[in-house]
Amino acid sequence: MPAGGSAAAAVVAAAAALLEKAARLSSAHWVTAEVALEQAHALRLRAEELVEADADAYMSYVEALRAAKGLRGKARERSVAPARALTIDVPLAISRLGAEAVELAGALADHGNPNLRADAMVAATIAVAAATAAAKLIAFNLRGPGRDQRLDEAMRIAQAARDNAAKMERTGSVTGS
């Protein structure tokens, strides 16, 4: 059963697929387009894996909550903690992949086939949405007292992705070239 993180991972996979297309059709424009193609392909495959990983993490958490139904306090938290950690770690991986897709989109917008710059910009836009959504899932899954470094990291990653995509929109590239 897919959850919000699965949807975010699927969006990253779609962004990576657009980047694969842009890289594949950029070899006449960019000497390292083949490297970009390999990176985009790897991003897509990893994102597709995270679609399943997130669904599995969610179901494991639900099962852990059911199994801990009779427990209270620290015993309950110890019982549920490993499954809960996955509901944070998997979206964090999704957020990281989204940011990587934005960076690759910037490189393709800068150096790739100029006719596919719009595809690179669309990939960046949807990858930012996925990175942001994954960070919001982490915030929700960590609700309660205390602060977790993983949330801070996810928020920084999502903000950096947004900043890179905004720069791309203003200048047509991330690097400004």
N, C-alpha and C. Protein backbone atom coordinates (compact mmCIF):
# COMPACT_ATOMS: atom_id res chain seq x y z
N MET A 1 0.85 -1.17 0.00
CA MET A 1 0.00 0.00 0.00
C MET A 1 0.90 1.24 0.00
N PRO A 2 0.91 1.98 -1.09
CA PRO A 2 1.74 3.17 -1.16
C PRO A 2 1.28 4.26 -0.20
N ALA A 3 2.23 5.05 0.25
CA ALA A 3 1.93 6.18 1.13
C ALA A 3 2.52 7.44 0.48
N GLY A 4 2.49 8.55 1.22
CA GLY A 4 2.97 9.82 0.68
C GLY A 4 4.41 9.78 0.21
N GLY A 5 5.24 9.07 0.93
CA GLY A 5 6.64 8.96 0.52
C GLY A 5 6.79 8.21 -0.79
N SER A 6 5.95 7.21 -1.00
CA SER A 6 5.97 6.48 -2.27
C SER A 6 5.64 7.41 -3.42
N ALA A 7 4.67 8.28 -3.20
CA ALA A 7 4.31 9.25 -4.24
C ALA A 7 5.48 10.20 -4.51
N ALA A 8 6.13 10.67 -3.45
CA ALA A 8 7.28 11.57 -3.63
C ALA A 8 8.40 10.85 -4.38
N ALA A 9 8.66 9.60 -4.04
CA ALA A 9 9.71 8.84 -4.74
C ALA A 9 9.34 8.64 -6.21
N ALA A 10 8.07 8.40 -6.49
CA ALA A 10 7.64 8.24 -7.88
C ALA A 10 7.84 9.54 -8.67
N VAL A 11 7.66 10.66 -8.01
CA VAL A 11 7.88 11.95 -8.66
C VAL A 11 9.37 12.13 -8.97
N VAL A 12 10.23 11.74 -8.05
CA VAL A 12 11.67 11.81 -8.32
C VAL A 12 12.02 10.90 -9.50
N ALA A 13 11.42 9.73 -9.54
CA ALA A 13 11.66 8.81 -10.67
C ALA A 13 11.23 9.45 -11.98
N ALA A 14 10.10 10.14 -11.98
CA ALA A 14 9.64 10.82 -13.20
C ALA A 14 10.61 11.93 -13.60
N ALA A 15 11.09 12.68 -12.62
CA ALA A 15 12.08 13.74 -12.90
C ALA A 15 13.34 13.13 -13.50
N ALA A 16 13.80 12.03 -12.92
CA ALA A 16 15.01 11.37 -13.42
C ALA A 16 14.80 10.84 -14.83
N ALA A 17 13.60 10.36 -15.13
CA ALA A 17 13.31 9.88 -16.49
C ALA A 17 13.40 11.03 -17.50
N LEU A 18 12.89 12.20 -17.12
CA LEU A 18 13.04 13.37 -17.99
C LEU A 18 14.51 13.71 -18.19
N LEU A 19 15.29 13.59 -17.13
CA LEU A 19 16.71 13.90 -17.22
C LEU A 19 17.45 12.86 -18.07
N GLU A 20 17.01 11.61 -18.00
CA GLU A 20 17.59 10.58 -18.87
C GLU A 20 17.37 10.96 -20.34
N LYS A 21 16.16 11.36 -20.66
CA LYS A 21 15.84 11.77 -22.03
C LYS A 21 16.71 12.95 -22.44
N ALA A 22 16.79 13.95 -21.60
CA ALA A 22 17.58 15.15 -21.93
C ALA A 22 19.05 14.80 -22.11
N ALA A 23 19.57 13.93 -21.26
CA ALA A 23 20.98 13.55 -21.37
C ALA A 23 21.23 12.71 -22.63
N ARG A 24 20.32 11.79 -22.91
CA ARG A 24 20.46 10.92 -24.09
C ARG A 24 20.52 11.75 -25.37
N LEU A 25 19.77 12.84 -25.39
CA LEU A 25 19.69 13.67 -26.60
C LEU A 25 20.63 14.87 -26.56
N SER A 26 21.60 14.82 -25.64
CA SER A 26 22.54 15.94 -25.50
C SER A 26 23.97 15.62 -25.88
N SER A 27 24.22 14.41 -26.36
CA SER A 27 25.61 14.01 -26.65
C SER A 27 26.28 14.91 -27.68
N ALA A 28 25.52 15.48 -28.61
CA ALA A 28 26.11 16.37 -29.62
C ALA A 28 26.42 17.75 -29.03
N HIS A 29 25.88 18.05 -27.84
CA HIS A 29 26.03 19.37 -27.24
C HIS A 29 26.96 19.38 -26.03
N TRP A 30 27.18 18.20 -25.46
CA TRP A 30 27.89 18.15 -24.18
C TRP A 30 28.73 16.88 -24.15
N VAL A 31 30.02 17.04 -23.99
CA VAL A 31 30.93 15.91 -24.05
C VAL A 31 30.68 14.90 -22.91
N THR A 32 30.19 15.35 -21.78
CA THR A 32 29.94 14.44 -20.66
C THR A 32 28.46 14.08 -20.51
N ALA A 33 27.71 14.19 -21.59
CA ALA A 33 26.29 13.83 -21.54
C ALA A 33 26.09 12.37 -21.14
N GLU A 34 27.02 11.52 -21.54
CA GLU A 34 26.91 10.09 -21.19
C GLU A 34 26.99 9.89 -19.67
N VAL A 35 27.84 10.66 -19.01
CA VAL A 35 27.93 10.60 -17.55
C VAL A 35 26.61 11.06 -16.93
N ALA A 36 26.05 12.15 -17.47
CA ALA A 36 24.76 12.64 -16.98
C ALA A 36 23.66 11.59 -17.18
N LEU A 37 23.72 10.89 -18.31
CA LEU A 37 22.75 9.83 -18.58
C LEU A 37 22.86 8.73 -17.53
N GLU A 38 24.08 8.32 -17.22
CA GLU A 38 24.29 7.29 -16.19
C GLU A 38 23.78 7.76 -14.83
N GLN A 39 24.04 9.02 -14.50
CA GLN A 39 23.57 9.57 -13.22
C GLN A 39 22.05 9.59 -13.18
N ALA A 40 21.42 10.05 -14.25
CA ALA A 40 19.97 10.12 -14.28
C ALA A 40 19.35 8.72 -14.17
N HIS A 41 19.96 7.77 -14.87
CA HIS A 41 19.47 6.39 -14.82
C HIS A 41 19.57 5.84 -13.40
N ALA A 42 20.71 6.07 -12.76
CA ALA A 42 20.89 5.60 -11.38
C ALA A 42 19.90 6.26 -10.43
N LEU A 43 19.66 7.55 -10.62
CA LEU A 43 18.67 8.26 -9.80
C LEU A 43 17.28 7.64 -9.98
N ARG A 44 16.93 7.37 -11.22
CA ARG A 44 15.60 6.79 -11.48
C ARG A 44 15.45 5.43 -10.82
N LEU A 45 16.47 4.58 -10.97
CA LEU A 45 16.38 3.25 -10.38
C LEU A 45 16.29 3.31 -8.86
N ARG A 46 17.08 4.19 -8.25
CA ARG A 46 17.04 4.33 -6.79
C ARG A 46 15.67 4.87 -6.35
N ALA A 47 15.15 5.83 -7.08
CA ALA A 47 13.83 6.38 -6.73
C ALA A 47 12.75 5.31 -6.84
N GLU A 48 12.84 4.49 -7.86
CA GLU A 48 11.86 3.40 -8.01
C GLU A 48 11.96 2.42 -6.84
N GLU A 49 13.17 2.16 -6.37
CA GLU A 49 13.34 1.29 -5.19
C GLU A 49 12.70 1.93 -3.96
N LEU A 50 12.82 3.26 -3.86
CA LEU A 50 12.28 3.95 -2.69
C LEU A 50 10.75 4.00 -2.69
N VAL A 51 10.12 3.86 -3.86
CA VAL A 51 8.67 3.75 -3.90
C VAL A 51 8.25 2.54 -3.05
N GLU A 52 8.88 1.42 -3.30
CA GLU A 52 8.58 0.19 -2.54
C GLU A 52 9.05 0.30 -1.09
N ALA A 53 10.25 0.85 -0.90
CA ALA A 53 10.79 0.96 0.46
C ALA A 53 9.88 1.79 1.36
N ASP A 54 9.32 2.86 0.81
CA ASP A 54 8.44 3.69 1.62
C ASP A 54 7.15 2.94 1.96
N ALA A 55 6.59 2.26 0.99
CA ALA A 55 5.37 1.48 1.26
C ALA A 55 5.66 0.42 2.32
N ASP A 56 6.81 -0.23 2.21
CA ASP A 56 7.19 -1.24 3.20
C ASP A 56 7.40 -0.61 4.59
N ALA A 57 8.03 0.56 4.62
CA ALA A 57 8.27 1.24 5.90
C ALA A 57 6.94 1.59 6.57
N TYR A 58 6.02 2.10 5.79
CA TYR A 58 4.71 2.45 6.33
C TYR A 58 3.99 1.23 6.89
N MET A 59 3.97 0.16 6.11
CA MET A 59 3.28 -1.05 6.58
C MET A 59 3.97 -1.64 7.81
N SER A 60 5.29 -1.59 7.86
CA SER A 60 6.02 -2.08 9.04
C SER A 60 5.66 -1.26 10.27
N TYR A 61 5.53 0.04 10.09
CA TYR A 61 5.17 0.91 11.21
C TYR A 61 3.76 0.59 11.70
N VAL A 62 2.83 0.42 10.79
CA VAL A 62 1.46 0.07 11.17
C VAL A 62 1.45 -1.26 11.93
N GLU A 63 2.20 -2.24 11.43
CA GLU A 63 2.28 -3.54 12.10
C GLU A 63 2.93 -3.42 13.48
N ALA A 64 3.96 -2.59 13.59
CA ALA A 64 4.63 -2.39 14.88
C ALA A 64 3.68 -1.74 15.88
N LEU A 65 2.88 -0.78 15.43
CA LEU A 65 1.89 -0.16 16.32
C LEU A 65 0.86 -1.18 16.80
N ARG A 66 0.42 -2.04 15.90
CA ARG A 66 -0.54 -3.08 16.29
C ARG A 66 0.08 -4.05 17.30
N ALA A 67 1.33 -4.44 17.04
CA ALA A 67 2.00 -5.39 17.93
C ALA A 67 2.26 -4.79 19.31
N ALA A 68 2.41 -3.46 19.37
CA ALA A 68 2.72 -2.80 20.64
C ALA A 68 1.46 -2.29 21.34
N LYS A 69 0.31 -2.73 20.88
CA LYS A 69 -0.96 -2.21 21.39
C LYS A 69 -1.07 -2.29 22.91
N GLY A 70 -0.62 -3.35 23.51
CA GLY A 70 -0.74 -3.52 24.95
C GLY A 70 0.39 -2.90 25.74
N LEU A 71 1.38 -2.35 25.07
CA LEU A 71 2.53 -1.77 25.75
C LEU A 71 2.31 -0.29 26.03
N ARG A 72 3.01 0.22 27.03
CA ARG A 72 2.92 1.64 27.39
C ARG A 72 4.31 2.22 27.58
N GLY A 73 4.40 3.52 27.43
CA GLY A 73 5.62 4.26 27.76
C GLY A 73 6.84 3.83 26.96
N LYS A 74 7.94 3.66 27.71
CA LYS A 74 9.22 3.33 27.08
C LYS A 74 9.20 1.97 26.41
N ALA A 75 8.46 1.03 26.95
CA ALA A 75 8.39 -0.30 26.33
C ALA A 75 7.73 -0.20 24.96
N ARG A 76 6.70 0.61 24.86
CA ARG A 76 6.03 0.81 23.57
C ARG A 76 6.98 1.49 22.59
N GLU A 77 7.66 2.54 23.05
CA GLU A 77 8.57 3.27 22.17
C GLU A 77 9.71 2.37 21.69
N ARG A 78 10.26 1.55 22.57
CA ARG A 78 11.32 0.61 22.16
C ARG A 78 10.82 -0.38 21.12
N SER A 79 9.60 -0.81 21.27
CA SER A 79 9.01 -1.78 20.35
C SER A 79 8.76 -1.17 18.97
N VAL A 80 8.34 0.08 18.95
CA VAL A 80 7.95 0.74 17.70
C VAL A 80 9.13 1.46 17.04
N ALA A 81 10.16 1.81 17.80
CA ALA A 81 11.25 2.68 17.32
C ALA A 81 11.91 2.23 16.01
N PRO A 82 12.25 0.95 15.84
CA PRO A 82 12.91 0.58 14.57
C PRO A 82 12.03 0.83 13.34
N ALA A 83 10.75 0.51 13.45
CA ALA A 83 9.84 0.73 12.32
C ALA A 83 9.60 2.23 12.12
N ARG A 84 9.50 2.96 13.20
CA ARG A 84 9.32 4.42 13.10
C ARG A 84 10.53 5.06 12.44
N ALA A 85 11.72 4.58 12.75
CA ALA A 85 12.94 5.13 12.16
C ALA A 85 12.91 5.03 10.63
N LEU A 86 12.37 3.94 10.12
CA LEU A 86 12.28 3.78 8.67
C LEU A 86 11.34 4.81 8.04
N THR A 87 10.31 5.23 8.79
CA THR A 87 9.40 6.25 8.25
C THR A 87 10.06 7.62 8.21
N ILE A 88 11.24 7.71 8.75
CA ILE A 88 12.03 8.95 8.70
C ILE A 88 13.19 8.79 7.72
N ASP A 89 13.87 7.67 7.80
CA ASP A 89 15.06 7.44 6.97
C ASP A 89 14.72 7.32 5.48
N VAL A 90 13.62 6.67 5.15
CA VAL A 90 13.26 6.52 3.73
C VAL A 90 12.88 7.87 3.13
N PRO A 91 12.03 8.68 3.76
CA PRO A 91 11.77 10.00 3.19
C PRO A 91 13.02 10.88 3.11
N LEU A 92 13.94 10.72 4.06
CA LEU A 92 15.19 11.48 3.99
C LEU A 92 15.97 11.10 2.73
N ALA A 93 16.00 9.82 2.42
CA ALA A 93 16.66 9.37 1.18
C ALA A 93 15.94 9.94 -0.05
N ILE A 94 14.62 10.02 0.00
CA ILE A 94 13.85 10.60 -1.10
C ILE A 94 14.20 12.07 -1.26
N SER A 95 14.27 12.78 -0.16
CA SER A 95 14.62 14.20 -0.21
C SER A 95 16.01 14.40 -0.81
N ARG A 96 16.95 13.57 -0.40
CA ARG A 96 18.30 13.66 -0.96
C ARG A 96 18.30 13.42 -2.47
N LEU A 97 17.55 12.39 -2.91
CA LEU A 97 17.48 12.10 -4.35
C LEU A 97 16.83 13.24 -5.12
N GLY A 98 15.81 13.84 -4.54
CA GLY A 98 15.17 14.97 -5.19
C GLY A 98 16.16 16.10 -5.41
N ALA A 99 16.98 16.37 -4.40
CA ALA A 99 17.98 17.43 -4.52
C ALA A 99 19.04 17.07 -5.56
N GLU A 100 19.43 15.81 -5.62
CA GLU A 100 20.39 15.38 -6.64
C GLU A 100 19.80 15.57 -8.04
N ALA A 101 18.52 15.29 -8.19
CA ALA A 101 17.88 15.48 -9.49
C ALA A 101 17.88 16.95 -9.88
N VAL A 102 17.67 17.84 -8.93
CA VAL A 102 17.69 19.28 -9.22
C VAL A 102 19.08 19.69 -9.70
N GLU A 103 20.12 19.20 -9.03
CA GLU A 103 21.49 19.53 -9.44
C GLU A 103 21.78 19.03 -10.84
N LEU A 104 21.38 17.80 -11.13
CA LEU A 104 21.61 17.26 -12.47
C LEU A 104 20.79 18.03 -13.51
N ALA A 105 19.59 18.42 -13.15
CA ALA A 105 18.77 19.23 -14.06
C ALA A 105 19.48 20.54 -14.40
N GLY A 106 20.12 21.14 -13.40
CA GLY A 106 20.86 22.37 -13.65
C GLY A 106 22.01 22.17 -14.61
N ALA A 107 22.72 21.07 -14.44
CA ALA A 107 23.84 20.77 -15.35
C ALA A 107 23.33 20.55 -16.77
N LEU A 108 22.22 19.85 -16.90
CA LEU A 108 21.66 19.62 -18.24
C LEU A 108 21.11 20.90 -18.85
N ALA A 109 20.52 21.76 -18.03
CA ALA A 109 20.06 23.05 -18.54
C ALA A 109 21.24 23.89 -19.01
N ASP A 110 22.34 23.82 -18.29
CA ASP A 110 23.55 24.58 -18.63
C ASP A 110 24.23 24.07 -19.89
N HIS A 111 24.39 22.76 -19.98
CA HIS A 111 25.29 22.18 -20.98
C HIS A 111 24.62 21.29 -22.02
N GLY A 112 23.41 20.85 -21.73
CA GLY A 112 22.77 19.88 -22.61
C GLY A 112 22.14 20.52 -23.84
N ASN A 113 21.36 19.73 -24.51
CA ASN A 113 20.65 20.15 -25.70
C ASN A 113 19.72 21.32 -25.33
N PRO A 114 19.93 22.50 -25.93
CA PRO A 114 19.10 23.65 -25.56
C PRO A 114 17.61 23.44 -25.86
N ASN A 115 17.29 22.56 -26.79
CA ASN A 115 15.90 22.27 -27.09
C ASN A 115 15.21 21.50 -25.97
N LEU A 116 16.00 20.96 -25.04
CA LEU A 116 15.45 20.17 -23.93
C LEU A 116 15.61 20.87 -22.59
N ARG A 117 15.99 22.14 -22.62
CA ARG A 117 16.14 22.91 -21.38
C ARG A 117 14.82 22.93 -20.59
N ALA A 118 13.70 23.04 -21.29
CA ALA A 118 12.41 23.06 -20.59
C ALA A 118 12.18 21.75 -19.84
N ASP A 119 12.58 20.62 -20.43
CA ASP A 119 12.44 19.33 -19.73
C ASP A 119 13.29 19.31 -18.46
N ALA A 120 14.49 19.85 -18.55
CA ALA A 120 15.36 19.91 -17.37
C ALA A 120 14.72 20.78 -16.29
N MET A 121 14.11 21.88 -16.70
CA MET A 121 13.47 22.77 -15.73
C MET A 121 12.23 22.13 -15.11
N VAL A 122 11.47 21.39 -15.90
CA VAL A 122 10.32 20.67 -15.34
C VAL A 122 10.81 19.61 -14.36
N ALA A 123 11.87 18.89 -14.73
CA ALA A 123 12.43 17.88 -13.82
C ALA A 123 12.84 18.52 -12.50
N ALA A 124 13.49 19.68 -12.57
CA ALA A 124 13.90 20.37 -11.35
C ALA A 124 12.68 20.76 -10.52
N THR A 125 11.66 21.27 -11.17
CA THR A 125 10.45 21.73 -10.46
C THR A 125 9.78 20.58 -9.72
N ILE A 126 9.61 19.45 -10.39
CA ILE A 126 8.92 18.35 -9.71
C ILE A 126 9.82 17.67 -8.68
N ALA A 127 11.13 17.68 -8.91
CA ALA A 127 12.06 17.11 -7.92
C ALA A 127 12.07 17.94 -6.64
N VAL A 128 11.96 19.26 -6.78
CA VAL A 128 11.85 20.12 -5.60
C VAL A 128 10.58 19.79 -4.83
N ALA A 129 9.49 19.60 -5.54
CA ALA A 129 8.23 19.26 -4.86
C ALA A 129 8.38 17.95 -4.09
N ALA A 130 9.05 16.98 -4.68
CA ALA A 130 9.24 15.69 -4.01
C ALA A 130 10.14 15.84 -2.78
N ALA A 131 11.23 16.59 -2.92
CA ALA A 131 12.14 16.80 -1.78
C ALA A 131 11.42 17.51 -0.64
N THR A 132 10.60 18.49 -0.98
CA THR A 132 9.83 19.23 0.02
C THR A 132 8.78 18.34 0.68
N ALA A 133 8.08 17.56 -0.12
CA ALA A 133 7.06 16.65 0.42
C ALA A 133 7.70 15.64 1.37
N ALA A 134 8.85 15.11 0.99
CA ALA A 134 9.52 14.13 1.86
C ALA A 134 9.93 14.78 3.18
N ALA A 135 10.42 16.02 3.13
CA ALA A 135 10.79 16.72 4.37
C ALA A 135 9.56 16.93 5.26
N LYS A 136 8.42 17.24 4.65
CA LYS A 136 7.19 17.42 5.42
C LYS A 136 6.73 16.11 6.05
N LEU A 137 6.94 15.00 5.34
CA LEU A 137 6.61 13.69 5.93
C LEU A 137 7.46 13.42 7.16
N ILE A 138 8.74 13.75 7.06
CA ILE A 138 9.63 13.56 8.21
C ILE A 138 9.14 14.39 9.39
N ALA A 139 8.79 15.65 9.13
CA ALA A 139 8.29 16.51 10.21
C ALA A 139 7.05 15.88 10.86
N PHE A 140 6.16 15.36 10.05
CA PHE A 140 4.95 14.73 10.59
C PHE A 140 5.31 13.48 11.39
N ASN A 141 6.20 12.65 10.85
CA ASN A 141 6.55 11.40 11.52
C ASN A 141 7.35 11.61 12.79
N LEU A 142 7.95 12.78 12.93
CA LEU A 142 8.71 13.10 14.14
C LEU A 142 7.95 14.00 15.10
N ARG A 143 6.68 14.23 14.84
CA ARG A 143 5.92 15.14 15.70
C ARG A 143 6.04 14.69 17.15
N GLY A 144 6.02 15.67 18.01
CA GLY A 144 6.15 15.40 19.43
C GLY A 144 7.34 16.16 19.99
N PRO A 145 7.67 15.91 21.23
CA PRO A 145 8.76 16.65 21.86
C PRO A 145 10.13 16.25 21.30
N GLY A 146 11.05 17.17 21.41
CA GLY A 146 12.42 16.88 20.97
C GLY A 146 12.67 17.29 19.54
N ARG A 147 13.92 17.33 19.21
CA ARG A 147 14.35 17.74 17.86
C ARG A 147 15.22 16.63 17.30
N ASP A 148 15.11 16.37 16.02
CA ASP A 148 15.87 15.30 15.37
C ASP A 148 16.69 15.90 14.24
N GLN A 149 17.96 15.55 14.19
CA GLN A 149 18.86 16.08 13.15
C GLN A 149 18.41 15.71 11.75
N ARG A 150 17.73 14.59 11.61
CA ARG A 150 17.27 14.18 10.28
C ARG A 150 16.25 15.16 9.72
N LEU A 151 15.42 15.71 10.58
CA LEU A 151 14.47 16.72 10.12
C LEU A 151 15.21 17.98 9.68
N ASP A 152 16.19 18.40 10.48
CA ASP A 152 16.97 19.58 10.10
C ASP A 152 17.66 19.36 8.76
N GLU A 153 18.23 18.17 8.58
CA GLU A 153 18.90 17.86 7.31
C GLU A 153 17.91 17.89 6.14
N ALA A 154 16.76 17.27 6.32
CA ALA A 154 15.76 17.23 5.24
C ALA A 154 15.29 18.64 4.89
N MET A 155 15.09 19.48 5.89
CA MET A 155 14.65 20.85 5.62
C MET A 155 15.74 21.63 4.88
N ARG A 156 17.01 21.43 5.27
CA ARG A 156 18.12 22.09 4.56
C ARG A 156 18.22 21.62 3.11
N ILE A 157 18.07 20.31 2.92
CA ILE A 157 18.13 19.74 1.57
C ILE A 157 17.01 20.31 0.70
N ALA A 158 15.79 20.32 1.23
CA ALA A 158 14.65 20.82 0.46
C ALA A 158 14.83 22.30 0.14
N GLN A 159 15.34 23.07 1.09
CA GLN A 159 15.55 24.50 0.84
C GLN A 159 16.63 24.72 -0.22
N ALA A 160 17.70 23.96 -0.14
CA ALA A 160 18.77 24.08 -1.15
C ALA A 160 18.24 23.71 -2.53
N ALA A 161 17.41 22.67 -2.60
CA ALA A 161 16.82 22.28 -3.88
C ALA A 161 15.93 23.39 -4.41
N ARG A 162 15.11 23.99 -3.53
CA ARG A 162 14.26 25.11 -3.95
C ARG A 162 15.10 26.28 -4.45
N ASP A 163 16.17 26.58 -3.72
CA ASP A 163 17.04 27.69 -4.12
C ASP A 163 17.68 27.43 -5.48
N ASN A 164 18.15 26.20 -5.70
CA ASN A 164 18.77 25.86 -6.99
C ASN A 164 17.76 25.94 -8.13
N ALA A 165 16.55 25.45 -7.89
CA ALA A 165 15.53 25.50 -8.93
C ALA A 165 15.11 26.95 -9.20
N ALA A 166 15.02 27.76 -8.17
CA ALA A 166 14.66 29.17 -8.37
C ALA A 166 15.74 29.89 -9.17
N LYS A 167 16.98 29.58 -8.88
CA LYS A 167 18.08 30.20 -9.65
C LYS A 167 18.01 29.76 -11.11
N MET A 168 17.68 28.50 -11.32
CA MET A 168 17.52 27.99 -12.67
C MET A 168 16.43 28.74 -13.42
N GLU A 169 15.33 29.01 -12.74
CA GLU A 169 14.22 29.73 -13.36
C GLU A 169 14.62 31.16 -13.71
N ARG A 170 15.39 31.80 -12.81
CA ARG A 170 15.80 33.19 -13.05
C ARG A 170 16.84 33.30 -14.17
N THR A 171 17.79 32.37 -14.18
CA THR A 171 18.92 32.49 -15.10
C THR A 171 18.92 31.48 -16.22
N GLY A 172 18.07 30.48 -16.12
CA GLY A 172 18.09 29.40 -17.10
C GLY A 172 19.06 28.31 -16.74
N SER A 173 19.76 28.47 -15.60
CA SER A 173 20.71 27.45 -15.16
C SER A 173 20.93 27.57 -13.66
N VAL A 174 21.57 26.57 -13.08
CA VAL A 174 21.92 26.60 -11.67
C VAL A 174 23.25 27.31 -11.48
N THR A 175 24.17 27.09 -12.38
CA THR A 175 25.51 27.66 -12.23
C THR A 175 25.60 29.08 -12.74
N GLY A 176 24.59 29.52 -13.46
CA GLY A 176 24.57 30.88 -13.97
C GLY A 176 25.37 31.07 -15.26
N SER A 177 25.83 29.98 -15.86
CA SER A 177 26.60 30.11 -17.10
C SER A 177 25.72 30.19 -18.31
